[in-house]
């Protein structure tokens, strides 16, 4: 079961948060902000690379400009989105949750979280 909160979604990687889940949320990320760069960052969880790659690939398929920041803290993505011409950001992290979890946090162009 995915848990939705003010800053995004999180769940168990092998059952709840799959690349296809990223595809569904990528469609929403694509539809919301105007044209422009979307920045993607992630934490160091083993599942983060696969989920990040899925998010980037799907957004590129929608014709979006994407910058992958790699492994960075959540505030770095917020800062980069706010201080550049980026229109949105996505952070792949489950914060304090156990390693078998991961999540997606969505950032508006002003660097604040986009509520789900």
PDB file of N, CA and C in Angstrom:
ATOM      1  N   UNK A   1       0.838  -1.179   0.000  1.00  0.00           N
ATOM      2  CA  UNK A   1       0.000   0.000   0.000  1.00  0.00           C
ATOM      3  C   UNK A   1       0.886   1.247   0.000  1.00  0.00           C
ATOM      4  N   UNK A   2       0.656   2.140  -0.941  1.00  0.00           N
ATOM      5  CA  UNK A   2       1.368   3.413  -0.971  1.00  0.00           C
ATOM      6  C   UNK A   2       0.815   4.337   0.107  1.00  0.00           C
ATOM      7  N   UNK A   3       1.720   5.030   0.763  1.00  0.00           N
ATOM      8  CA  UNK A   3       1.327   6.035   1.746  1.00  0.00           C
ATOM      9  C   UNK A   3       1.491   7.400   1.096  1.00  0.00           C
ATOM     10  N   UNK A   4       0.435   8.184   1.059  1.00  0.00           N
ATOM     11  CA  UNK A   4       0.474   9.526   0.477  1.00  0.00           C
ATOM     12  C   UNK A   4       0.519  10.550   1.600  1.00  0.00           C
ATOM     13  N   UNK A   5       1.358  11.568   1.416  1.00  0.00           N
ATOM     14  CA  UNK A   5       1.471  12.613   2.430  1.00  0.00           C
ATOM     15  C   UNK A   5       1.644  13.960   1.742  1.00  0.00           C
ATOM     16  N   UNK A   6       1.839  14.989   2.523  1.00  0.00           N
ATOM     17  CA  UNK A   6       1.968  16.346   1.993  1.00  0.00           C
ATOM     18  C   UNK A   6       3.127  16.471   1.011  1.00  0.00           C
ATOM     19  N   UNK A   7       4.173  15.680   1.197  1.00  0.00           N
ATOM     20  CA  UNK A   7       5.341  15.841   0.334  1.00  0.00           C
ATOM     21  C   UNK A   7       5.504  14.744  -0.698  1.00  0.00           C
ATOM     22  N   UNK A   8       4.598  13.784  -0.757  1.00  0.00           N
ATOM     23  CA  UNK A   8       4.753  12.762  -1.784  1.00  0.00           C
ATOM     24  C   UNK A   8       4.150  11.429  -1.400  1.00  0.00           C
ATOM     25  N   UNK A   9       4.752  10.372  -1.949  1.00  0.00           N
ATOM     26  CA  UNK A   9       4.291   9.008  -1.705  1.00  0.00           C
ATOM     27  C   UNK A   9       5.485   8.156  -1.302  1.00  0.00           C
ATOM     28  N   UNK A  10       5.209   7.098  -0.546  1.00  0.00           N
ATOM     29  CA  UNK A  10       6.258   6.150  -0.204  1.00  0.00           C
ATOM     30  C   UNK A  10       5.625   4.782  -0.004  1.00  0.00           C
ATOM     31  N   UNK A  11       6.460   3.755  -0.170  1.00  0.00           N
ATOM     32  CA  UNK A  11       5.973   2.396   0.001  1.00  0.00           C
ATOM     33  C   UNK A  11       7.101   1.400  -0.113  1.00  0.00           C
ATOM     34  N   UNK A  12       6.765   0.141   0.075  1.00  0.00           N
ATOM     35  CA  UNK A  12       7.741  -0.930  -0.067  1.00  0.00           C
ATOM     36  C   UNK A  12       8.124  -1.076  -1.534  1.00  0.00           C
ATOM     37  N   UNK A  13       9.411  -1.195  -1.776  1.00  0.00           N
ATOM     38  CA  UNK A  13       9.909  -1.170  -3.152  1.00  0.00           C
ATOM     39  C   UNK A  13       9.408  -2.335  -3.985  1.00  0.00           C
ATOM     40  N   UNK A  14       9.460  -3.531  -3.508  1.00  0.00           N
ATOM     41  CA  UNK A  14       9.148  -4.680  -4.358  1.00  0.00           C
ATOM     42  C   UNK A  14       7.660  -4.974  -4.487  1.00  0.00           C
ATOM     43  N   UNK A  15       6.835  -4.263  -3.728  1.00  0.00           N
ATOM     44  CA  UNK A  15       5.396  -4.521  -3.815  1.00  0.00           C
ATOM     45  C   UNK A  15       4.575  -3.283  -4.142  1.00  0.00           C
ATOM     46  N   UNK A  16       4.964  -2.120  -3.629  1.00  0.00           N
ATOM     47  CA  UNK A  16       4.145  -0.916  -3.773  1.00  0.00           C
ATOM     48  C   UNK A  16       4.738   0.112  -4.732  1.00  0.00           C
ATOM     49  N   UNK A  17       6.018   0.329  -4.628  1.00  0.00           N
ATOM     50  CA  UNK A  17       6.670   1.372  -5.420  1.00  0.00           C
ATOM     51  C   UNK A  17       7.533   0.707  -6.482  1.00  0.00           C
ATOM     52  N   UNK A  18       6.988   0.591  -7.663  1.00  0.00           N
ATOM     53  CA  UNK A  18       7.625  -0.095  -8.785  1.00  0.00           C
ATOM     54  C   UNK A  18       7.873   0.904  -9.908  1.00  0.00           C
ATOM     55  N   UNK A  19       8.683   0.540 -10.904  1.00  0.00           N
ATOM     56  CA  UNK A  19       8.851   1.444 -12.046  1.00  0.00           C
ATOM     57  C   UNK A  19       7.520   1.860 -12.681  1.00  0.00           C
ATOM     58  N   UNK A  20       6.528   0.952 -12.706  1.00  0.00           N
ATOM     59  CA  UNK A  20       5.227   1.327 -13.283  1.00  0.00           C
ATOM     60  C   UNK A  20       4.522   2.373 -12.421  1.00  0.00           C
ATOM     61  N   UNK A  21       4.783   2.359 -11.112  1.00  0.00           N
ATOM     62  CA  UNK A  21       4.243   3.403 -10.243  1.00  0.00           C
ATOM     63  C   UNK A  21       4.867   4.735 -10.612  1.00  0.00           C
ATOM     64  N   UNK A  22       6.180   4.710 -10.872  1.00  0.00           N
ATOM     65  CA  UNK A  22       6.868   5.931 -11.316  1.00  0.00           C
ATOM     66  C   UNK A  22       6.259   6.439 -12.612  1.00  0.00           C
ATOM     67  N   UNK A  23       5.885   5.524 -13.495  1.00  0.00           N
ATOM     68  CA  UNK A  23       5.290   5.930 -14.770  1.00  0.00           C
ATOM     69  C   UNK A  23       4.004   6.708 -14.546  1.00  0.00           C
ATOM     70  N   UNK A  24       3.179   6.237 -13.640  1.00  0.00           N
ATOM     71  CA  UNK A  24       1.916   6.927 -13.366  1.00  0.00           C
ATOM     72  C   UNK A  24       2.163   8.313 -12.786  1.00  0.00           C
ATOM     73  N   UNK A  25       3.090   8.414 -11.848  1.00  0.00           N
ATOM     74  CA  UNK A  25       3.382   9.719 -11.252  1.00  0.00           C
ATOM     75  C   UNK A  25       4.136  10.622 -12.220  1.00  0.00           C
ATOM     76  N   UNK A  26       4.946  10.045 -13.091  1.00  0.00           N
ATOM     77  CA  UNK A  26       5.639  10.852 -14.103  1.00  0.00           C
ATOM     78  C   UNK A  26       4.631  11.520 -15.030  1.00  0.00           C
ATOM     79  N   UNK A  27       3.546  10.834 -15.341  1.00  0.00           N
ATOM     80  CA  UNK A  27       2.501  11.436 -16.173  1.00  0.00           C
ATOM     81  C   UNK A  27       1.929  12.663 -15.480  1.00  0.00           C
ATOM     82  N   UNK A  28       1.735  12.579 -14.177  1.00  0.00           N
ATOM     83  CA  UNK A  28       1.243  13.731 -13.419  1.00  0.00           C
ATOM     84  C   UNK A  28       2.251  14.855 -13.354  1.00  0.00           C
ATOM     85  N   UNK A  29       3.519  14.501 -13.147  1.00  0.00           N
ATOM     86  CA  UNK A  29       4.574  15.521 -13.110  1.00  0.00           C
ATOM     87  C   UNK A  29       4.659  16.228 -14.454  1.00  0.00           C
ATOM     88  N   UNK A  30       4.539  15.479 -15.528  1.00  0.00           N
ATOM     89  CA  UNK A  30       4.583  16.065 -16.872  1.00  0.00           C
ATOM     90  C   UNK A  30       3.410  17.013 -17.101  1.00  0.00           C
ATOM     91  N   UNK A  31       2.244  16.648 -16.622  1.00  0.00           N
ATOM     92  CA  UNK A  31       1.032  17.418 -16.906  1.00  0.00           C
ATOM     93  C   UNK A  31       0.918  18.710 -16.106  1.00  0.00           C
ATOM     94  N   UNK A  32       1.556  18.800 -14.959  1.00  0.00           N
ATOM     95  CA  UNK A  32       1.339  19.941 -14.068  1.00  0.00           C
ATOM     96  C   UNK A  32       2.127  21.205 -14.421  1.00  0.00           C
ATOM     97  N   UNK A  33       3.452  21.164 -14.437  1.00  0.00           N
ATOM     98  CA  UNK A  33       4.174  22.425 -14.660  1.00  0.00           C
ATOM     99  C   UNK A  33       4.216  22.784 -16.140  1.00  0.00           C
ATOM    100  N   UNK A  34       4.515  24.039 -16.438  1.00  0.00           N
ATOM    101  CA  UNK A  34       4.686  24.435 -17.832  1.00  0.00           C
ATOM    102  C   UNK A  34       5.952  23.799 -18.400  1.00  0.00           C
ATOM    103  N   UNK A  35       6.181  24.017 -19.686  1.00  0.00           N
ATOM    104  CA  UNK A  35       7.405  23.511 -20.303  1.00  0.00           C
ATOM    105  C   UNK A  35       8.617  24.031 -19.560  1.00  0.00           C
ATOM    106  N   UNK A  36       9.631  23.220 -19.490  1.00  0.00           N
ATOM    107  CA  UNK A  36      10.867  23.601 -18.820  1.00  0.00           C
ATOM    108  C   UNK A  36      11.528  22.386 -18.210  1.00  0.00           C
ATOM    109  N   UNK A  37      12.633  22.621 -17.573  1.00  0.00           N
ATOM    110  CA  UNK A  37      13.445  21.552 -17.000  1.00  0.00           C
ATOM    111  C   UNK A  37      12.796  20.980 -15.737  1.00  0.00           C
ATOM    112  N   UNK A  38      12.850  19.664 -15.618  1.00  0.00           N
ATOM    113  CA  UNK A  38      12.457  18.965 -14.396  1.00  0.00           C
ATOM    114  C   UNK A  38      13.711  18.287 -13.860  1.00  0.00           C
ATOM    115  N   UNK A  39      14.048  18.566 -12.610  1.00  0.00           N
ATOM    116  CA  UNK A  39      15.243  17.990 -11.990  1.00  0.00           C
ATOM    117  C   UNK A  39      14.866  16.768 -11.163  1.00  0.00           C
ATOM    118  N   UNK A  40      15.709  15.749 -11.261  1.00  0.00           N
ATOM    119  CA  UNK A  40      15.491  14.503 -10.534  1.00  0.00           C
ATOM    120  C   UNK A  40      16.703  14.240  -9.646  1.00  0.00           C
ATOM    121  N   UNK A  41      16.455  13.956  -8.380  1.00  0.00           N
ATOM    122  CA  UNK A  41      17.514  13.567  -7.455  1.00  0.00           C
ATOM    123  C   UNK A  41      17.074  12.343  -6.681  1.00  0.00           C
ATOM    124  N   UNK A  42      18.036  11.704  -6.033  1.00  0.00           N
ATOM    125  CA  UNK A  42      17.698  10.506  -5.262  1.00  0.00           C
ATOM    126  C   UNK A  42      18.650  10.343  -4.094  1.00  0.00           C
ATOM    127  N   UNK A  43      18.225   9.507  -3.145  1.00  0.00           N
ATOM    128  CA  UNK A  43      19.129   9.164  -2.056  1.00  0.00           C
ATOM    129  C   UNK A  43      19.919   7.916  -2.451  1.00  0.00           C
ATOM    130  N   UNK A  44      20.663   7.364  -1.521  1.00  0.00           N
ATOM    131  CA  UNK A  44      21.577   6.267  -1.859  1.00  0.00           C
ATOM    132  C   UNK A  44      20.977   4.874  -1.688  1.00  0.00           C
ATOM    133  N   UNK A  45      19.685   4.778  -1.527  1.00  0.00           N
ATOM    134  CA  UNK A  45      19.070   3.451  -1.416  1.00  0.00           C
ATOM    135  C   UNK A  45      19.324   2.654  -2.693  1.00  0.00           C
ATOM    136  N   UNK A  46      19.530   1.345  -2.570  1.00  0.00           N
ATOM    137  CA  UNK A  46      19.788   0.531  -3.760  1.00  0.00           C
ATOM    138  C   UNK A  46      18.692   0.627  -4.821  1.00  0.00           C
ATOM    139  N   UNK A  47      17.447   0.786  -4.417  1.00  0.00           N
ATOM    140  CA  UNK A  47      16.338   0.853  -5.380  1.00  0.00           C
ATOM    141  C   UNK A  47      16.250   2.201  -6.083  1.00  0.00           C
ATOM    142  N   UNK A  48      16.944   3.198  -5.584  1.00  0.00           N
ATOM    143  CA  UNK A  48      16.819   4.547  -6.124  1.00  0.00           C
ATOM    144  C   UNK A  48      17.239   4.692  -7.566  1.00  0.00           C
ATOM    145  N   UNK A  49      18.286   3.985  -7.960  1.00  0.00           N
ATOM    146  CA  UNK A  49      18.765   4.122  -9.331  1.00  0.00           C
ATOM    147  C   UNK A  49      17.723   3.640 -10.334  1.00  0.00           C
ATOM    148  N   UNK A  50      17.125   2.479 -10.084  1.00  0.00           N
ATOM    149  CA  UNK A  50      16.108   1.954 -10.997  1.00  0.00           C
ATOM    150  C   UNK A  50      14.892   2.878 -11.066  1.00  0.00           C
ATOM    151  N   UNK A  51      14.444   3.365  -9.925  1.00  0.00           N
ATOM    152  CA  UNK A  51      13.283   4.256  -9.916  1.00  0.00           C
ATOM    153  C   UNK A  51      13.606   5.591 -10.574  1.00  0.00           C
ATOM    154  N   UNK A  52      14.801   6.108 -10.338  1.00  0.00           N
ATOM    155  CA  UNK A  52      15.223   7.359 -10.972  1.00  0.00           C
ATOM    156  C   UNK A  52      15.308   7.192 -12.482  1.00  0.00           C
ATOM    157  N   UNK A  53      15.930   6.099 -12.916  1.00  0.00           N
ATOM    158  CA  UNK A  53      16.034   5.842 -14.356  1.00  0.00           C
ATOM    159  C   UNK A  53      14.656   5.755 -15.001  1.00  0.00           C
ATOM    160  N   UNK A  54      13.712   5.107 -14.321  1.00  0.00           N
ATOM    161  CA  UNK A  54      12.350   4.996 -14.857  1.00  0.00           C
ATOM    162  C   UNK A  54      11.699   6.367 -14.965  1.00  0.00           C
ATOM    163  N   UNK A  55      11.836   7.182 -13.936  1.00  0.00           N
ATOM    164  CA  UNK A  55      11.245   8.527 -13.947  1.00  0.00           C
ATOM    165  C   UNK A  55      11.849   9.372 -15.065  1.00  0.00           C
ATOM    166  N   UNK A  56      13.171   9.339 -15.199  1.00  0.00           N
ATOM    167  CA  UNK A  56      13.846  10.122 -16.241  1.00  0.00           C
ATOM    168  C   UNK A  56      13.403   9.658 -17.624  1.00  0.00           C
ATOM    169  N   UNK A  57      13.410   8.351 -17.856  1.00  0.00           N
ATOM    170  CA  UNK A  57      13.043   7.819 -19.169  1.00  0.00           C
ATOM    171  C   UNK A  57      11.622   8.220 -19.564  1.00  0.00           C
ATOM    172  N   UNK A  58      10.714   8.106 -18.633  1.00  0.00           N
ATOM    173  CA  UNK A  58       9.319   8.424 -18.935  1.00  0.00           C
ATOM    174  C   UNK A  58       9.149   9.909 -19.221  1.00  0.00           C
ATOM    175  N   UNK A  59       9.771  10.756 -18.423  1.00  0.00           N
ATOM    176  CA  UNK A  59       9.665  12.201 -18.666  1.00  0.00           C
ATOM    177  C   UNK A  59      10.307  12.582 -19.996  1.00  0.00           C
ATOM    178  N   UNK A  60      11.428  11.951 -20.337  1.00  0.00           N
ATOM    179  CA  UNK A  60      12.045  12.206 -21.646  1.00  0.00           C
ATOM    180  C   UNK A  60      11.115  11.763 -22.774  1.00  0.00           C
ATOM    181  N   UNK A  61      10.437  10.634 -22.588  1.00  0.00           N
ATOM    182  CA  UNK A  61       9.488  10.162 -23.602  1.00  0.00           C
ATOM    183  C   UNK A  61       8.324  11.127 -23.786  1.00  0.00           C
ATOM    184  N   UNK A  62       7.976  11.865 -22.731  1.00  0.00           N
ATOM    185  CA  UNK A  62       6.949  12.897 -22.841  1.00  0.00           C
ATOM    186  C   UNK A  62       7.491  14.165 -23.499  1.00  0.00           C
ATOM    187  N   UNK A  63       8.786  14.191 -23.792  1.00  0.00           N
ATOM    188  CA  UNK A  63       9.378  15.362 -24.416  1.00  0.00           C
ATOM    189  C   UNK A  63       9.866  16.410 -23.430  1.00  0.00           C
ATOM    190  N   UNK A  64       9.958  16.044 -22.147  1.00  0.00           N
ATOM    191  CA  UNK A  64      10.416  16.997 -21.142  1.00  0.00           C
ATOM    192  C   UNK A  64      11.934  17.068 -21.126  1.00  0.00           C
ATOM    193  N   UNK A  65      12.454  18.212 -20.733  1.00  0.00           N
ATOM    194  CA  UNK A  65      13.881  18.366 -20.473  1.00  0.00           C
ATOM    195  C   UNK A  65      14.116  17.935 -19.031  1.00  0.00           C
ATOM    196  N   UNK A  66      15.058  17.022 -18.835  1.00  0.00           N
ATOM    197  CA  UNK A  66      15.306  16.461 -17.513  1.00  0.00           C
ATOM    198  C   UNK A  66      16.786  16.582 -17.179  1.00  0.00           C
ATOM    199  N   UNK A  67      17.067  16.981 -15.958  1.00  0.00           N
ATOM    200  CA  UNK A  67      18.432  16.955 -15.435  1.00  0.00           C
ATOM    201  C   UNK A  67      18.435  16.008 -14.250  1.00  0.00           C
ATOM    202  N   UNK A  68      19.258  14.965 -14.350  1.00  0.00           N
ATOM    203  CA  UNK A  68      19.405  14.025 -13.249  1.00  0.00           C
ATOM    204  C   UNK A  68      20.570  14.482 -12.386  1.00  0.00           C
ATOM    205  N   UNK A  69      20.288  14.770 -11.139  1.00  0.00           N
ATOM    206  CA  UNK A  69      21.306  15.260 -10.213  1.00  0.00           C
ATOM    207  C   UNK A  69      22.030  14.132  -9.496  1.00  0.00           C
ATOM    208  N   UNK A  70      21.582  12.896  -9.681  1.00  0.00           N
ATOM    209  CA  UNK A  70      22.212  11.761  -9.017  1.00  0.00           C
ATOM    210  C   UNK A  70      21.855  11.715  -7.542  1.00  0.00           C
ATOM    211  N   UNK A  71      22.809  11.241  -6.734  1.00  0.00           N
ATOM    212  CA  UNK A  71      22.583  11.114  -5.298  1.00  0.00           C
ATOM    213  C   UNK A  71      22.831  12.465  -4.639  1.00  0.00           C
ATOM    214  N   UNK A  72      21.754  13.048  -4.146  1.00  0.00           N
ATOM    215  CA  UNK A  72      21.816  14.366  -3.496  1.00  0.00           C
ATOM    216  C   UNK A  72      20.775  14.419  -2.378  1.00  0.00           C
ATOM    217  N   UNK A  73      20.991  15.268  -1.369  1.00  0.00           N
ATOM    218  CA  UNK A  73      19.963  15.435  -0.344  1.00  0.00           C
ATOM    219  C   UNK A  73      18.734  16.162  -0.902  1.00  0.00           C
ATOM    220  N   UNK A  74      17.599  15.903  -0.316  1.00  0.00           N
ATOM    221  CA  UNK A  74      16.352  16.544  -0.746  1.00  0.00           C
ATOM    222  C   UNK A  74      16.470  18.069  -0.821  1.00  0.00           C
ATOM    223  N   UNK A  75      17.039  18.738   0.181  1.00  0.00           N
ATOM    224  CA  UNK A  75      17.134  20.199   0.084  1.00  0.00           C
ATOM    225  C   UNK A  75      17.960  20.689  -1.110  1.00  0.00           C
ATOM    226  N   UNK A  76      18.903  19.880  -1.583  1.00  0.00           N
ATOM    227  CA  UNK A  76      19.692  20.266  -2.762  1.00  0.00           C
ATOM    228  C   UNK A  76      18.796  20.343  -3.992  1.00  0.00           C
ATOM    229  N   UNK A  77      17.902  19.392  -4.152  1.00  0.00           N
ATOM    230  CA  UNK A  77      16.983  19.435  -5.292  1.00  0.00           C
ATOM    231  C   UNK A  77      16.073  20.652  -5.165  1.00  0.00           C
ATOM    232  N   UNK A  78      15.559  20.907  -3.970  1.00  0.00           N
ATOM    233  CA  UNK A  78      14.720  22.089  -3.765  1.00  0.00           C
ATOM    234  C   UNK A  78      15.483  23.363  -4.129  1.00  0.00           C
ATOM    235  N   UNK A  79      16.704  23.464  -3.680  1.00  0.00           N
ATOM    236  CA  UNK A  79      17.534  24.636  -3.958  1.00  0.00           C
ATOM    237  C   UNK A  79      17.784  24.786  -5.457  1.00  0.00           C
ATOM    238  N   UNK A  80      18.146  23.691  -6.114  1.00  0.00           N
ATOM    239  CA  UNK A  80      18.446  23.745  -7.549  1.00  0.00           C
ATOM    240  C   UNK A  80      17.210  24.132  -8.363  1.00  0.00           C
ATOM    241  N   UNK A  81      16.056  23.600  -7.996  1.00  0.00           N
ATOM    242  CA  UNK A  81      14.828  23.956  -8.710  1.00  0.00           C
ATOM    243  C   UNK A  81      14.527  25.438  -8.519  1.00  0.00           C
ATOM    244  N   UNK A  82      14.612  25.895  -7.285  1.00  0.00           N
ATOM    245  CA  UNK A  82      14.282  27.294  -6.984  1.00  0.00           C
ATOM    246  C   UNK A  82      15.261  28.269  -7.636  1.00  0.00           C
ATOM    247  N   UNK A  83      16.530  27.943  -7.675  1.00  0.00           N
ATOM    248  CA  UNK A  83      17.560  28.884  -8.127  1.00  0.00           C
ATOM    249  C   UNK A  83      17.882  28.806  -9.612  1.00  0.00           C
ATOM    250  N   UNK A  84      17.210  27.936 -10.338  1.00  0.00           N
ATOM    251  CA  UNK A  84      17.448  27.812 -11.777  1.00  0.00           C
ATOM    252  C   UNK A  84      16.131  28.042 -12.510  1.00  0.00           C
ATOM    253  N   UNK A  85      16.144  27.780 -13.778  1.00  0.00           N
ATOM    254  CA  UNK A  85      14.924  27.904 -14.575  1.00  0.00           C
ATOM    255  C   UNK A  85      14.068  26.640 -14.540  1.00  0.00           C
ATOM    256  N   UNK A  86      14.388  25.698 -13.665  1.00  0.00           N
ATOM    257  CA  UNK A  86      13.606  24.467 -13.581  1.00  0.00           C
ATOM    258  C   UNK A  86      12.168  24.788 -13.164  1.00  0.00           C
ATOM    259  N   UNK A  87      11.244  23.996 -13.670  1.00  0.00           N
ATOM    260  CA  UNK A  87       9.827  24.202 -13.349  1.00  0.00           C
ATOM    261  C   UNK A  87       9.322  23.225 -12.292  1.00  0.00           C
ATOM    262  N   UNK A  88      10.102  22.178 -12.025  1.00  0.00           N
ATOM    263  CA  UNK A  88       9.695  21.177 -11.036  1.00  0.00           C
ATOM    264  C   UNK A  88      10.874  20.276 -10.706  1.00  0.00           C
ATOM    265  N   UNK A  89      10.672  19.473  -9.678  1.00  0.00           N
ATOM    266  CA  UNK A  89      11.676  18.490  -9.293  1.00  0.00           C
ATOM    267  C   UNK A  89      11.019  17.271  -8.681  1.00  0.00           C
ATOM    268  N   UNK A  90      11.736  16.174  -8.729  1.00  0.00           N
ATOM    269  CA  UNK A  90      11.297  14.937  -8.089  1.00  0.00           C
ATOM    270  C   UNK A  90      12.485  14.396  -7.305  1.00  0.00           C
ATOM    271  N   UNK A  91      12.237  14.020  -6.058  1.00  0.00           N
ATOM    272  CA  UNK A  91      13.269  13.387  -5.241  1.00  0.00           C
ATOM    273  C   UNK A  91      12.807  11.970  -4.932  1.00  0.00           C
ATOM    274  N   UNK A  92      13.676  11.019  -5.200  1.00  0.00           N
ATOM    275  CA  UNK A  92      13.378   9.628  -4.912  1.00  0.00           C
ATOM    276  C   UNK A  92      14.052   9.293  -3.587  1.00  0.00           C
ATOM    277  N   UNK A  93      13.242   9.237  -2.542  1.00  0.00           N
ATOM    278  CA  UNK A  93      13.722   8.990  -1.185  1.00  0.00           C
ATOM    279  C   UNK A  93      12.560   8.574  -0.302  1.00  0.00           C
ATOM    280  N   UNK A  94      12.857   7.772   0.691  1.00  0.00           N
ATOM    281  CA  UNK A  94      11.855   7.447   1.703  1.00  0.00           C
ATOM    282  C   UNK A  94      12.261   8.042   3.045  1.00  0.00           C
ATOM    283  N   UNK A  95      13.166   9.009   2.998  1.00  0.00           N
ATOM    284  CA  UNK A  95      13.607   9.728   4.194  1.00  0.00           C
ATOM    285  C   UNK A  95      14.074   8.776   5.284  1.00  0.00           C
ATOM    286  N   UNK A  96      13.380   8.789   6.404  1.00  0.00           N
ATOM    287  CA  UNK A  96      13.780   8.031   7.588  1.00  0.00           C
ATOM    288  C   UNK A  96      13.280   6.591   7.593  1.00  0.00           C
ATOM    289  N   UNK A  97      12.536   6.195   6.590  1.00  0.00           N
ATOM    290  CA  UNK A  97      11.967   4.848   6.566  1.00  0.00           C
ATOM    291  C   UNK A  97      13.039   3.792   6.286  1.00  0.00           C
ATOM    292  N   UNK A  98      12.760   2.528   6.611  1.00  0.00           N
ATOM    293  CA  UNK A  98      13.736   1.452   6.394  1.00  0.00           C
ATOM    294  C   UNK A  98      14.150   1.325   4.926  1.00  0.00           C
ATOM    295  N   UNK A  99      15.276   0.669   4.704  1.00  0.00           N
ATOM    296  CA  UNK A  99      15.879   0.590   3.375  1.00  0.00           C
ATOM    297  C   UNK A  99      14.993  -0.123   2.353  1.00  0.00           C
ATOM    298  N   UNK A 100      14.073  -0.981   2.813  1.00  0.00           N
ATOM    299  CA  UNK A 100      13.211  -1.665   1.848  1.00  0.00           C
ATOM    300  C   UNK A 100      12.081  -0.773   1.334  1.00  0.00           C
ATOM    301  N   UNK A 101      12.037   0.444   1.822  1.00  0.00           N
ATOM    302  CA  UNK A 101      11.074   1.442   1.368  1.00  0.00           C
ATOM    303  C   UNK A 101      11.757   2.424   0.419  1.00  0.00           C
ATOM    304  N   UNK A 102      10.962   3.083  -0.400  1.00  0.00           N
ATOM    305  CA  UNK A 102      11.415   4.247  -1.146  1.00  0.00           C
ATOM    306  C   UNK A 102      10.199   5.124  -1.398  1.00  0.00           C
ATOM    307  N   UNK A 103      10.426   6.284  -1.961  1.00  0.00           N
ATOM    308  CA  UNK A 103       9.323   7.206  -2.162  1.00  0.00           C
ATOM    309  C   UNK A 103       9.626   8.243  -3.216  1.00  0.00           C
ATOM    310  N   UNK A 104       8.620   9.038  -3.514  1.00  0.00           N
ATOM    311  CA  UNK A 104       8.718  10.121  -4.489  1.00  0.00           C
ATOM    312  C   UNK A 104       8.237  11.402  -3.821  1.00  0.00           C
ATOM    313  N   UNK A 105       9.073  12.421  -3.842  1.00  0.00           N
ATOM    314  CA  UNK A 105       8.684  13.744  -3.343  1.00  0.00           C
ATOM    315  C   UNK A 105       8.668  14.683  -4.540  1.00  0.00           C
ATOM    316  N   UNK A 106       7.671  15.535  -4.593  1.00  0.00           N
ATOM    317  CA  UNK A 106       7.473  16.411  -5.743  1.00  0.00           C
ATOM    318  C   UNK A 106       7.688  17.860  -5.342  1.00  0.00           C
ATOM    319  N   UNK A 107       8.423  18.588  -6.172  1.00  0.00           N
ATOM    320  CA  UNK A 107       8.826  19.955  -5.847  1.00  0.00           C
ATOM    321  C   UNK A 107       8.336  20.906  -6.934  1.00  0.00           C
ATOM    322  N   UNK A 108       7.709  21.986  -6.503  1.00  0.00           N
ATOM    323  CA  UNK A 108       7.255  23.034  -7.427  1.00  0.00           C
ATOM    324  C   UNK A 108       8.433  23.914  -7.840  1.00  0.00           C
ATOM    325  N   UNK A 109       8.197  24.756  -8.822  1.00  0.00           N
ATOM    326  CA  UNK A 109       9.224  25.658  -9.329  1.00  0.00           C
ATOM    327  C   UNK A 109       9.778  26.623  -8.303  1.00  0.00           C
ATOM    328  N   UNK A 110       9.030  26.877  -7.229  1.00  0.00           N
ATOM    329  CA  UNK A 110       9.533  27.776  -6.184  1.00  0.00           C
ATOM    330  C   UNK A 110      10.309  27.029  -5.100  1.00  0.00           C
ATOM    331  N   UNK A 111      10.513  25.719  -5.287  1.00  0.00           N
ATOM    332  CA  UNK A 111      11.295  24.932  -4.344  1.00  0.00           C
ATOM    333  C   UNK A 111      10.509  24.318  -3.203  1.00  0.00           C
ATOM    334  N   UNK A 112       9.208  24.565  -3.150  1.00  0.00           N
ATOM    335  CA  UNK A 112       8.384  23.986  -2.087  1.00  0.00           C
ATOM    336  C   UNK A 112       7.775  22.664  -2.554  1.00  0.00           C
ATOM    337  N   UNK A 113       7.349  21.860  -1.595  1.00  0.00           N
ATOM    338  CA  UNK A 113       6.757  20.576  -1.948  1.00  0.00           C
ATOM    339  C   UNK A 113       5.402  20.762  -2.609  1.00  0.00           C
ATOM    340  N   UNK A 114       5.145  19.910  -3.575  1.00  0.00           N
ATOM    341  CA  UNK A 114       3.872  19.872  -4.274  1.00  0.00           C
ATOM    342  C   UNK A 114       3.034  18.797  -3.587  1.00  0.00           C
ATOM    343  N   UNK A 115       1.957  19.168  -2.885  1.00  0.00           N
ATOM    344  CA  UNK A 115       1.172  18.159  -2.162  1.00  0.00           C
ATOM    345  C   UNK A 115       0.465  17.199  -3.107  1.00  0.00           C
ATOM    346  N   UNK A 116       0.329  15.992  -2.669  1.00  0.00           N
ATOM    347  CA  UNK A 116      -0.340  14.950  -3.462  1.00  0.00           C
ATOM    348  C   UNK A 116      -1.819  14.925  -3.104  1.00  0.00           C
TER     349      UNK A 116
END
